[in-house]
Amino acid sequence: MSDAVIAIAVTLLVLEIHPPEDTRHLLQGLAALWPSYVSYVITFMLIGQVWANHHVMFDHIRHADRLILFLNTLLLMDIALLPFAAAVLANSFRDGQGERTAILLHGIAFELAAALFNIIWWHARRDHRLLLKNIDPAGVRAISRRFLLALAWIGTGTLLGSLVPVLGVSVIAAFIVYYWLPISGEIGRAGPRTGGSR
């Protein structure tokens, strides 16, 4: 289910980019869509990170209890909202109005996702009740630090964007580059799993 929701969300992103109606000046019309292209790339890559980290996290979780399933449902509900937030962001930059509000909406949507990742991971690793028995403790700590960093980084970018929209977008875009770097211990060893939420 989780993979399906994420796949639909990234597909809907491109459907929000509407071709120019004036084909007599097609090149200018396509160029004017640059905010949609930027919003598409940033949001697609961020959702890609959500997908990657979702897999990394659940690779370490042996069993998903009711609370994790509920929190994961909230996470999917937030992900389903992201194409709308991306469209609002693109429209605001194209029209030159409401950029600060659009950055806040876009940033808060991803900040909520980051918060839910931290809550799910905190619950799963508490007393190691729900994690694989052979998990590397250093890997657990590394994943925890990365999830916390995401919360702080996106939050900072969102706040900066509410003041200087271009700066906020730049900070969040820089986060994309950093976050695709691998971390030690994030790839879990194969082991038995009695439940899951994907």
Protein backbone atom coordinates (compact mmCIF):
# COMPACT_ATOMS: atom_id res chain seq x y z
CA MET A 1 0.00 0.00 0.00
CA SER A 2 2.73 2.47 0.94
CA ASP A 3 4.61 2.03 -2.33
CA ALA A 4 1.37 2.44 -4.29
CA VAL A 5 0.47 5.74 -2.58
CA ILE A 6 3.97 7.11 -3.14
CA ALA A 7 3.92 6.02 -6.80
CA ILE A 8 0.57 7.74 -7.36
CA ALA A 9 1.80 10.91 -5.65
CA VAL A 10 4.86 11.26 -7.90
CA THR A 11 2.73 10.51 -10.97
CA LEU A 12 0.25 13.23 -10.06
CA LEU A 13 3.10 15.74 -9.88
CA VAL A 14 3.61 15.79 -13.64
CA LEU A 15 -0.12 16.03 -14.28
CA GLU A 16 -0.04 19.44 -12.59
CA ILE A 17 2.22 20.78 -15.36
CA HIS A 18 -0.20 21.98 -18.02
CA PRO A 19 1.07 22.65 -21.57
CA PRO A 20 0.79 26.22 -22.90
CA GLU A 21 -2.45 26.99 -24.73
CA ASP A 22 -0.81 29.51 -27.06
CA THR A 23 1.12 27.32 -29.50
CA ARG A 24 2.05 30.33 -31.65
CA HIS A 25 4.57 31.31 -28.97
CA LEU A 26 5.26 27.82 -27.68
CA LEU A 27 8.89 28.35 -26.71
CA GLN A 28 8.04 31.37 -24.57
CA GLY A 29 5.12 29.50 -23.06
CA LEU A 30 7.27 26.52 -22.17
CA ALA A 31 9.92 28.79 -20.67
CA ALA A 32 7.27 30.53 -18.55
CA LEU A 33 6.51 27.21 -16.91
CA TRP A 34 9.91 27.17 -15.16
CA PRO A 35 8.33 27.37 -11.65
CA SER A 36 6.41 24.17 -12.43
CA TYR A 37 9.61 22.43 -13.53
CA VAL A 38 11.45 23.50 -10.37
CA SER A 39 8.57 22.49 -8.12
CA TYR A 40 8.27 19.16 -9.94
CA VAL A 41 11.95 18.27 -9.58
CA ILE A 42 12.25 19.32 -5.93
CA THR A 43 9.03 17.62 -4.85
CA PHE A 44 9.72 14.45 -6.87
CA MET A 45 13.18 14.10 -5.35
CA LEU A 46 11.89 14.75 -1.84
CA ILE A 47 9.15 12.15 -2.27
CA GLY A 48 11.84 9.83 -3.61
CA GLN A 49 13.70 10.32 -0.36
CA VAL A 50 10.54 9.55 1.59
CA TRP A 51 10.21 6.31 -0.38
CA ALA A 52 13.88 5.35 0.14
CA ASN A 53 13.81 6.09 3.86
CA HIS A 54 10.51 4.28 4.25
CA HIS A 55 12.16 1.15 2.87
CA VAL A 56 15.25 1.59 5.03
CA MET A 57 13.14 2.06 8.14
CA PHE A 58 10.87 -0.92 7.58
CA ASP A 59 13.85 -3.11 6.62
CA HIS A 60 14.81 -2.77 10.29
CA ILE A 61 11.33 -3.23 11.73
CA ARG A 62 10.49 -6.86 12.54
CA HIS A 63 6.86 -6.31 13.44
CA ALA A 64 4.48 -3.38 12.87
CA ASP A 65 1.97 -2.94 15.68
CA ARG A 66 -1.32 -1.03 15.48
CA LEU A 67 0.29 2.28 16.41
CA ILE A 68 2.90 2.02 13.67
CA LEU A 69 0.21 1.12 11.14
CA PHE A 70 -1.83 4.15 12.23
CA LEU A 71 1.17 6.49 12.07
CA ASN A 72 2.10 5.08 8.67
CA THR A 73 -1.44 5.79 7.48
CA LEU A 74 -1.04 9.42 8.59
CA LEU A 75 2.26 9.52 6.72
CA LEU A 76 0.58 8.26 3.53
CA MET A 77 -2.22 10.80 3.94
CA ASP A 78 0.41 13.54 4.11
CA ILE A 79 2.24 12.18 1.05
CA ALA A 80 -1.02 12.20 -0.93
CA LEU A 81 -1.26 15.96 -0.24
CA LEU A 82 2.17 16.74 -1.71
CA PRO A 83 1.12 17.13 -5.38
CA PHE A 84 -1.33 19.82 -4.27
CA ALA A 85 1.38 21.60 -2.27
CA ALA A 86 3.73 21.40 -5.25
CA ALA A 87 1.09 22.90 -7.57
CA VAL A 88 0.45 25.76 -5.13
CA LEU A 89 4.20 26.43 -4.94
CA ALA A 90 4.57 26.51 -8.72
CA ASN A 91 1.55 28.76 -9.24
CA SER A 92 2.69 31.25 -6.63
CA PHE A 93 6.14 31.68 -8.18
CA ARG A 94 4.66 31.88 -11.67
CA ASP A 95 2.18 34.58 -10.60
CA GLY A 96 4.67 36.37 -8.36
CA GLN A 97 2.24 36.39 -5.43
CA GLY A 98 1.86 34.34 -2.27
CA GLU A 99 5.31 32.77 -2.43
CA ARG A 100 5.82 32.88 1.34
CA THR A 101 2.53 31.15 2.05
CA ALA A 102 3.23 28.56 -0.66
CA ILE A 103 6.67 27.80 0.81
CA LEU A 104 5.06 27.39 4.24
CA LEU A 105 2.48 24.97 2.90
CA HIS A 106 5.04 22.95 0.95
CA GLY A 107 7.54 22.95 3.81
CA ILE A 108 5.01 22.09 6.51
CA ALA A 109 3.78 19.12 4.47
CA PHE A 110 7.31 17.70 4.32
CA GLU A 111 8.01 18.71 7.92
CA LEU A 112 4.99 16.67 8.99
CA ALA A 113 6.35 13.70 7.04
CA ALA A 114 9.72 14.10 8.76
CA ALA A 115 8.02 14.30 12.17
CA LEU A 116 6.03 11.12 11.48
CA PHE A 117 9.22 9.31 10.43
CA ASN A 118 10.81 10.27 13.74
CA ILE A 119 7.79 9.20 15.77
CA ILE A 120 7.48 5.84 13.96
CA TRP A 121 11.20 5.15 14.34
CA TRP A 122 11.24 6.21 18.00
CA HIS A 123 8.34 3.90 18.77
CA ALA A 124 9.86 0.99 16.84
CA ARG A 125 13.29 1.26 18.43
CA ARG A 126 12.07 1.85 21.99
CA ASP A 127 13.48 -1.09 23.96
CA HIS A 128 14.11 -2.72 20.55
CA ARG A 129 10.72 -4.41 20.88
CA LEU A 130 9.80 -4.07 17.20
CA LEU A 131 13.24 -4.10 15.56
CA LEU A 132 15.10 -7.04 14.09
CA LYS A 133 17.07 -8.91 16.72
CA ASN A 134 20.33 -8.73 14.74
CA ILE A 135 20.19 -5.00 14.01
CA ASP A 136 23.39 -2.99 14.29
CA PRO A 137 23.08 -0.49 17.20
CA ALA A 138 25.36 1.96 15.36
CA GLY A 139 23.01 1.79 12.38
CA VAL A 140 20.02 2.51 14.62
CA ARG A 141 21.75 5.60 15.97
CA ALA A 142 22.79 6.74 12.48
CA ILE A 143 19.24 6.44 11.16
CA SER A 144 17.92 8.29 14.22
CA ARG A 145 20.36 11.15 13.65
CA ARG A 146 19.44 11.39 9.98
CA PHE A 147 15.72 11.49 10.70
CA LEU A 148 16.27 14.23 13.30
CA LEU A 149 18.45 16.15 10.86
CA ALA A 150 15.67 16.01 8.27
CA LEU A 151 13.27 17.52 10.78
CA ALA A 152 15.67 20.38 11.57
CA TRP A 153 16.81 20.99 7.98
CA ILE A 154 13.36 21.13 6.41
CA GLY A 155 12.09 23.21 9.31
CA THR A 156 14.91 25.70 8.80
CA GLY A 157 14.27 25.87 5.06
CA THR A 158 10.57 26.41 5.66
CA LEU A 159 11.16 29.24 8.13
CA LEU A 160 13.68 30.91 5.83
CA GLY A 161 11.27 30.53 2.93
CA SER A 162 8.59 32.35 4.86
CA LEU A 163 10.97 35.32 4.94
CA VAL A 164 12.94 34.97 1.70
CA PRO A 165 11.20 32.42 -0.58
CA VAL A 166 14.14 31.83 -2.93
CA LEU A 167 16.46 31.20 0.03
CA GLY A 168 14.05 28.68 1.52
CA VAL A 169 13.79 26.78 -1.77
CA SER A 170 17.60 26.76 -2.05
CA VAL A 171 18.05 25.34 1.46
CA ILE A 172 15.52 22.58 0.82
CA ALA A 173 17.11 21.81 -2.57
CA ALA A 174 20.51 21.47 -0.86
CA PHE A 175 18.92 19.00 1.55
CA ILE A 176 18.07 16.76 -1.42
CA VAL A 177 21.73 16.45 -2.43
CA TYR A 178 22.90 15.64 1.10
CA TYR A 179 20.16 13.20 1.97
CA TRP A 180 20.84 10.83 -0.93
CA LEU A 181 24.28 10.08 0.49
CA PRO A 182 24.37 6.61 2.11
CA ILE A 183 24.92 6.21 5.85
CA SER A 184 26.65 3.40 7.70
CA GLY A 185 24.31 0.69 8.95
CA GLU A 186 21.23 1.80 7.04
CA ILE A 187 21.04 -1.43 5.02
CA GLY A 188 19.61 -4.02 7.36
CA ARG A 189 20.62 -7.67 7.26
CA ALA A 190 17.96 -10.10 6.14
CA GLY A 191 15.92 -11.55 8.94
CA PRO A 192 12.45 -12.90 9.74
CA ARG A 193 9.60 -10.39 9.83
CA THR A 194 6.19 -11.11 11.28
CA GLY A 195 4.41 -8.01 10.05
CA GLY A 196 4.83 -4.93 7.89
CA SER A 197 3.10 -1.89 6.49
CA ARG A 198 4.23 -1.60 2.90
